[in-house]
Amino acid sequence: MSATSKNKKQSNSDNTSGDPDYWELRLYVAGQTPKSLTAFANLKQICEEHLANKYRIEVIDLLVNPQLAQGDQIVAVPTLVRNLPTPMRKIIGDLSNTERVLVGLQLRRG
């Protein structure tokens, strides 16, 4: 993650149009804090294990672009927002509780 970049996009699939199994995720952070870096690492690991090349992660650093928090109504960081598949879901924290993240993203039943 780069604190100087506006957004960092991690693309693992070029075929996003019309694929109901494609996941679009945004991770809102505030700089390269240990909690932000942990959240990104945890998210990347979860995606690799459970979404196998059917996801895109967009990291948004609110220290660089604070105005972007308003669109998804971000009140705490790090926050993960699942835009696709719908409905939108949010998870706040460093994503270290894998079971909670899987249930929150609806990858596993609670």
N, C-alpha and C. Protein backbone atom coordinates (compact mmCIF):
# COMPACT_ATOMS: atom_id res chain seq x y z
N MET A 1 0.85 -1.19 0.00
CA MET A 1 0.00 0.00 0.00
C MET A 1 0.89 1.23 0.00
N SER A 2 0.48 2.22 -0.70
CA SER A 2 1.25 3.45 -0.77
C SER A 2 0.43 4.61 -0.23
N ALA A 3 0.96 5.28 0.79
CA ALA A 3 0.24 6.40 1.38
C ALA A 3 0.16 7.57 0.42
N THR A 4 1.02 7.61 -0.55
CA THR A 4 1.01 8.73 -1.48
C THR A 4 0.07 8.51 -2.65
N SER A 5 -0.34 7.29 -2.88
CA SER A 5 -1.23 7.05 -4.01
C SER A 5 -2.68 7.29 -3.63
N LYS A 6 -3.44 7.76 -4.59
CA LYS A 6 -4.86 8.02 -4.37
C LYS A 6 -5.59 6.73 -4.07
N ASN A 7 -5.44 5.78 -4.93
CA ASN A 7 -6.07 4.48 -4.80
C ASN A 7 -5.07 3.43 -5.25
N LYS A 8 -5.13 2.30 -4.64
CA LYS A 8 -4.34 1.18 -5.12
C LYS A 8 -5.32 0.10 -5.51
N LYS A 9 -5.27 -0.30 -6.75
CA LYS A 9 -6.20 -1.32 -7.23
C LYS A 9 -5.46 -2.62 -7.41
N GLN A 10 -6.03 -3.66 -6.90
CA GLN A 10 -5.50 -5.01 -7.05
C GLN A 10 -6.49 -5.75 -7.92
N SER A 11 -6.13 -6.01 -9.14
CA SER A 11 -7.06 -6.64 -10.07
C SER A 11 -6.65 -8.07 -10.30
N ASN A 12 -7.57 -8.98 -10.10
CA ASN A 12 -7.29 -10.40 -10.29
C ASN A 12 -8.16 -11.02 -11.35
N SER A 13 -8.93 -10.21 -12.06
CA SER A 13 -9.77 -10.74 -13.12
C SER A 13 -10.11 -9.61 -14.07
N ASP A 14 -9.95 -9.87 -15.35
CA ASP A 14 -10.31 -8.85 -16.33
C ASP A 14 -11.76 -8.97 -16.76
N ASN A 15 -12.41 -10.08 -16.44
CA ASN A 15 -13.78 -10.31 -16.86
C ASN A 15 -14.74 -9.95 -15.73
N THR A 16 -15.12 -8.68 -15.65
CA THR A 16 -15.99 -8.24 -14.57
C THR A 16 -17.42 -8.02 -15.02
N SER A 17 -17.65 -7.88 -16.31
CA SER A 17 -18.99 -7.56 -16.77
C SER A 17 -19.88 -8.79 -16.78
N GLY A 18 -20.96 -8.72 -16.04
CA GLY A 18 -21.96 -9.76 -16.07
C GLY A 18 -21.64 -11.01 -15.27
N ASP A 19 -20.52 -11.06 -14.57
CA ASP A 19 -20.17 -12.25 -13.80
C ASP A 19 -20.77 -12.13 -12.40
N PRO A 20 -21.78 -12.95 -12.07
CA PRO A 20 -22.44 -12.83 -10.77
C PRO A 20 -21.55 -13.27 -9.62
N ASP A 21 -20.44 -13.95 -9.90
CA ASP A 21 -19.53 -14.41 -8.86
C ASP A 21 -18.36 -13.46 -8.63
N TYR A 22 -18.35 -12.32 -9.33
CA TYR A 22 -17.26 -11.35 -9.22
C TYR A 22 -17.47 -10.47 -7.99
N TRP A 23 -16.40 -10.24 -7.24
CA TRP A 23 -16.45 -9.45 -6.01
C TRP A 23 -15.68 -8.15 -6.18
N GLU A 24 -16.33 -7.05 -5.86
CA GLU A 24 -15.70 -5.73 -5.88
C GLU A 24 -15.63 -5.22 -4.45
N LEU A 25 -14.40 -5.06 -3.94
CA LEU A 25 -14.18 -4.70 -2.55
C LEU A 25 -13.39 -3.40 -2.45
N ARG A 26 -13.75 -2.57 -1.48
CA ARG A 26 -12.99 -1.35 -1.19
C ARG A 26 -12.56 -1.40 0.26
N LEU A 27 -11.28 -1.12 0.49
CA LEU A 27 -10.76 -1.05 1.84
C LEU A 27 -10.35 0.39 2.11
N TYR A 28 -11.05 1.02 3.02
CA TYR A 28 -10.74 2.39 3.42
C TYR A 28 -9.76 2.36 4.58
N VAL A 29 -8.65 3.10 4.43
CA VAL A 29 -7.61 3.17 5.45
C VAL A 29 -7.23 4.63 5.67
N ALA A 30 -6.44 4.86 6.70
CA ALA A 30 -5.91 6.20 6.97
C ALA A 30 -4.40 6.08 7.12
N GLY A 31 -3.70 6.09 6.01
CA GLY A 31 -2.25 5.95 6.03
C GLY A 31 -1.82 4.50 6.14
N GLN A 32 -0.52 4.33 6.30
CA GLN A 32 0.05 2.99 6.38
C GLN A 32 0.29 2.61 7.84
N THR A 33 -0.74 2.64 8.62
CA THR A 33 -0.64 2.26 10.03
C THR A 33 -0.55 0.74 10.12
N PRO A 34 -0.08 0.22 11.24
CA PRO A 34 -0.05 -1.24 11.40
C PRO A 34 -1.44 -1.87 11.22
N LYS A 35 -2.47 -1.20 11.71
CA LYS A 35 -3.82 -1.74 11.58
C LYS A 35 -4.27 -1.77 10.11
N SER A 36 -3.94 -0.73 9.37
CA SER A 36 -4.29 -0.68 7.95
C SER A 36 -3.56 -1.75 7.15
N LEU A 37 -2.27 -1.91 7.43
CA LEU A 37 -1.48 -2.92 6.73
C LEU A 37 -1.96 -4.33 7.07
N THR A 38 -2.32 -4.54 8.33
CA THR A 38 -2.86 -5.84 8.75
C THR A 38 -4.18 -6.12 8.06
N ALA A 39 -5.04 -5.11 7.98
CA ALA A 39 -6.35 -5.29 7.33
C ALA A 39 -6.16 -5.68 5.87
N PHE A 40 -5.24 -5.02 5.16
CA PHE A 40 -5.00 -5.34 3.76
C PHE A 40 -4.46 -6.76 3.61
N ALA A 41 -3.49 -7.13 4.44
CA ALA A 41 -2.91 -8.48 4.37
C ALA A 41 -3.97 -9.54 4.66
N ASN A 42 -4.80 -9.30 5.67
CA ASN A 42 -5.85 -10.26 6.01
C ASN A 42 -6.86 -10.38 4.88
N LEU A 43 -7.25 -9.25 4.30
CA LEU A 43 -8.22 -9.26 3.20
C LEU A 43 -7.65 -10.00 2.00
N LYS A 44 -6.41 -9.73 1.67
CA LYS A 44 -5.77 -10.39 0.53
C LYS A 44 -5.75 -11.90 0.72
N GLN A 45 -5.42 -12.34 1.93
CA GLN A 45 -5.36 -13.78 2.22
C GLN A 45 -6.76 -14.41 2.11
N ILE A 46 -7.77 -13.76 2.66
CA ILE A 46 -9.14 -14.27 2.59
C ILE A 46 -9.60 -14.37 1.13
N CYS A 47 -9.32 -13.34 0.35
CA CYS A 47 -9.71 -13.34 -1.06
C CYS A 47 -9.02 -14.45 -1.83
N GLU A 48 -7.73 -14.64 -1.61
CA GLU A 48 -6.99 -15.68 -2.31
C GLU A 48 -7.54 -17.07 -1.97
N GLU A 49 -7.92 -17.27 -0.71
CA GLU A 49 -8.42 -18.58 -0.28
C GLU A 49 -9.86 -18.85 -0.70
N HIS A 50 -10.71 -17.81 -0.75
CA HIS A 50 -12.14 -18.03 -0.92
C HIS A 50 -12.74 -17.48 -2.22
N LEU A 51 -12.01 -16.60 -2.91
CA LEU A 51 -12.59 -15.98 -4.10
C LEU A 51 -11.80 -16.25 -5.38
N ALA A 52 -10.68 -16.89 -5.29
CA ALA A 52 -9.89 -17.39 -6.41
C ALA A 52 -10.07 -16.63 -7.73
N ASN A 53 -9.37 -15.51 -7.87
CA ASN A 53 -9.34 -14.74 -9.13
C ASN A 53 -10.69 -14.16 -9.55
N LYS A 54 -11.58 -13.98 -8.63
CA LYS A 54 -12.89 -13.39 -8.96
C LYS A 54 -13.14 -12.17 -8.09
N TYR A 55 -12.10 -11.37 -7.87
CA TYR A 55 -12.26 -10.21 -7.01
C TYR A 55 -11.34 -9.08 -7.45
N ARG A 56 -11.69 -7.89 -6.97
CA ARG A 56 -10.85 -6.71 -7.15
C ARG A 56 -10.87 -5.95 -5.84
N ILE A 57 -9.71 -5.59 -5.35
CA ILE A 57 -9.58 -4.81 -4.12
C ILE A 57 -9.13 -3.40 -4.50
N GLU A 58 -9.84 -2.42 -4.02
CA GLU A 58 -9.45 -1.02 -4.20
C GLU A 58 -9.17 -0.47 -2.81
N VAL A 59 -7.95 -0.04 -2.58
CA VAL A 59 -7.56 0.54 -1.30
C VAL A 59 -7.65 2.06 -1.43
N ILE A 60 -8.41 2.67 -0.54
CA ILE A 60 -8.60 4.12 -0.56
C ILE A 60 -8.02 4.70 0.73
N ASP A 61 -7.00 5.53 0.58
CA ASP A 61 -6.34 6.16 1.71
C ASP A 61 -7.02 7.50 1.99
N LEU A 62 -7.70 7.58 3.09
CA LEU A 62 -8.46 8.79 3.42
C LEU A 62 -7.58 9.95 3.88
N LEU A 63 -6.31 9.69 4.15
CA LEU A 63 -5.39 10.81 4.42
C LEU A 63 -5.08 11.55 3.14
N VAL A 64 -5.10 10.84 2.03
CA VAL A 64 -4.84 11.44 0.72
C VAL A 64 -6.12 12.03 0.13
N ASN A 65 -7.23 11.32 0.26
CA ASN A 65 -8.51 11.74 -0.31
C ASN A 65 -9.64 11.62 0.71
N PRO A 66 -9.70 12.50 1.68
CA PRO A 66 -10.73 12.38 2.73
C PRO A 66 -12.15 12.51 2.20
N GLN A 67 -12.33 13.19 1.08
CA GLN A 67 -13.66 13.39 0.52
C GLN A 67 -14.30 12.08 0.06
N LEU A 68 -13.48 11.05 -0.19
CA LEU A 68 -14.01 9.78 -0.66
C LEU A 68 -14.75 8.99 0.43
N ALA A 69 -14.59 9.39 1.68
CA ALA A 69 -15.28 8.72 2.78
C ALA A 69 -16.78 8.93 2.73
N GLN A 70 -17.20 10.05 2.20
CA GLN A 70 -18.62 10.38 2.18
C GLN A 70 -19.45 9.43 1.33
N GLY A 71 -18.92 9.01 0.19
CA GLY A 71 -19.67 8.17 -0.73
C GLY A 71 -20.18 6.88 -0.12
N ASP A 72 -19.34 6.21 0.67
CA ASP A 72 -19.73 4.96 1.31
C ASP A 72 -20.03 5.15 2.80
N GLN A 73 -20.15 6.40 3.23
CA GLN A 73 -20.47 6.75 4.62
C GLN A 73 -19.53 6.08 5.60
N ILE A 74 -18.23 6.32 5.43
CA ILE A 74 -17.20 5.73 6.27
C ILE A 74 -17.03 6.58 7.52
N VAL A 75 -17.15 5.96 8.68
CA VAL A 75 -17.02 6.68 9.95
C VAL A 75 -15.85 6.16 10.78
N ALA A 76 -15.24 5.05 10.38
CA ALA A 76 -14.10 4.47 11.09
C ALA A 76 -13.20 3.79 10.06
N VAL A 77 -11.92 3.67 10.40
CA VAL A 77 -10.99 2.97 9.52
C VAL A 77 -10.17 1.99 10.34
N PRO A 78 -9.73 0.91 9.76
CA PRO A 78 -10.06 0.47 8.42
C PRO A 78 -11.50 -0.03 8.32
N THR A 79 -12.11 0.19 7.16
CA THR A 79 -13.45 -0.32 6.85
C THR A 79 -13.41 -0.98 5.49
N LEU A 80 -13.96 -2.19 5.43
CA LEU A 80 -14.09 -2.92 4.18
C LEU A 80 -15.52 -2.76 3.69
N VAL A 81 -15.67 -2.40 2.42
CA VAL A 81 -16.99 -2.28 1.79
C VAL A 81 -17.06 -3.26 0.63
N ARG A 82 -18.08 -4.11 0.66
CA ARG A 82 -18.34 -5.01 -0.48
C ARG A 82 -19.40 -4.36 -1.35
N ASN A 83 -19.01 -3.94 -2.55
CA ASN A 83 -19.96 -3.34 -3.49
C ASN A 83 -20.64 -4.39 -4.36
N LEU A 84 -19.89 -5.38 -4.78
CA LEU A 84 -20.43 -6.49 -5.56
C LEU A 84 -19.96 -7.78 -4.94
N PRO A 85 -20.77 -8.80 -4.85
CA PRO A 85 -22.17 -8.81 -5.25
C PRO A 85 -23.03 -8.01 -4.27
N THR A 86 -24.14 -7.55 -4.76
CA THR A 86 -25.07 -6.81 -3.91
C THR A 86 -25.79 -7.78 -3.00
N PRO A 87 -26.29 -7.35 -1.85
CA PRO A 87 -26.29 -5.98 -1.35
C PRO A 87 -24.93 -5.59 -0.76
N MET A 88 -24.71 -4.28 -0.66
CA MET A 88 -23.48 -3.76 -0.09
C MET A 88 -23.36 -4.21 1.37
N ARG A 89 -22.15 -4.55 1.77
CA ARG A 89 -21.87 -4.95 3.15
C ARG A 89 -20.65 -4.18 3.63
N LYS A 90 -20.57 -3.90 4.95
CA LYS A 90 -19.41 -3.22 5.54
C LYS A 90 -18.91 -3.99 6.74
N ILE A 91 -17.59 -4.00 6.87
CA ILE A 91 -16.94 -4.61 8.03
C ILE A 91 -15.87 -3.63 8.51
N ILE A 92 -15.92 -3.30 9.79
CA ILE A 92 -14.96 -2.37 10.37
C ILE A 92 -13.93 -3.15 11.18
N GLY A 93 -12.65 -2.76 11.04
CA GLY A 93 -11.59 -3.39 11.83
C GLY A 93 -10.48 -3.92 10.95
N ASP A 94 -9.54 -4.63 11.59
CA ASP A 94 -8.35 -5.09 10.85
C ASP A 94 -8.56 -6.44 10.16
N LEU A 95 -9.78 -6.96 10.21
CA LEU A 95 -10.17 -8.18 9.51
C LEU A 95 -9.40 -9.41 9.99
N SER A 96 -8.93 -9.37 11.25
CA SER A 96 -8.14 -10.48 11.79
C SER A 96 -9.00 -11.66 12.22
N ASN A 97 -10.28 -11.43 12.48
CA ASN A 97 -11.19 -12.53 12.82
C ASN A 97 -11.78 -13.06 11.51
N THR A 98 -11.10 -14.06 10.95
CA THR A 98 -11.47 -14.57 9.63
C THR A 98 -12.90 -15.05 9.59
N GLU A 99 -13.33 -15.76 10.61
CA GLU A 99 -14.70 -16.29 10.63
C GLU A 99 -15.72 -15.14 10.56
N ARG A 100 -15.48 -14.08 11.32
CA ARG A 100 -16.38 -12.91 11.31
C ARG A 100 -16.41 -12.25 9.94
N VAL A 101 -15.26 -12.16 9.30
CA VAL A 101 -15.18 -11.56 7.97
C VAL A 101 -15.94 -12.42 6.95
N LEU A 102 -15.74 -13.73 7.00
CA LEU A 102 -16.43 -14.63 6.08
C LEU A 102 -17.94 -14.55 6.24
N VAL A 103 -18.41 -14.49 7.47
CA VAL A 103 -19.85 -14.35 7.72
C VAL A 103 -20.32 -12.97 7.28
N GLY A 104 -19.56 -11.93 7.59
CA GLY A 104 -19.93 -10.57 7.22
C GLY A 104 -20.01 -10.37 5.71
N LEU A 105 -19.12 -11.04 4.98
CA LEU A 105 -19.15 -10.95 3.52
C LEU A 105 -20.13 -11.94 2.90
N GLN A 106 -20.72 -12.74 3.72
CA GLN A 106 -21.67 -13.77 3.30
C GLN A 106 -20.99 -14.85 2.46
N LEU A 107 -19.74 -15.14 2.81
CA LEU A 107 -19.03 -16.25 2.20
C LEU A 107 -19.27 -17.53 3.00
N ARG A 108 -19.75 -17.37 4.22
CA ARG A 108 -20.06 -18.47 5.09
C ARG A 108 -21.26 -18.10 5.94
N ARG A 109 -22.10 -19.06 6.21
CA ARG A 109 -23.28 -18.80 7.05
C ARG A 109 -22.89 -18.63 8.50
N GLY A 110 -23.60 -17.73 9.20
CA GLY A 110 -23.29 -17.43 10.59
C GLY A 110 -23.79 -18.46 11.55
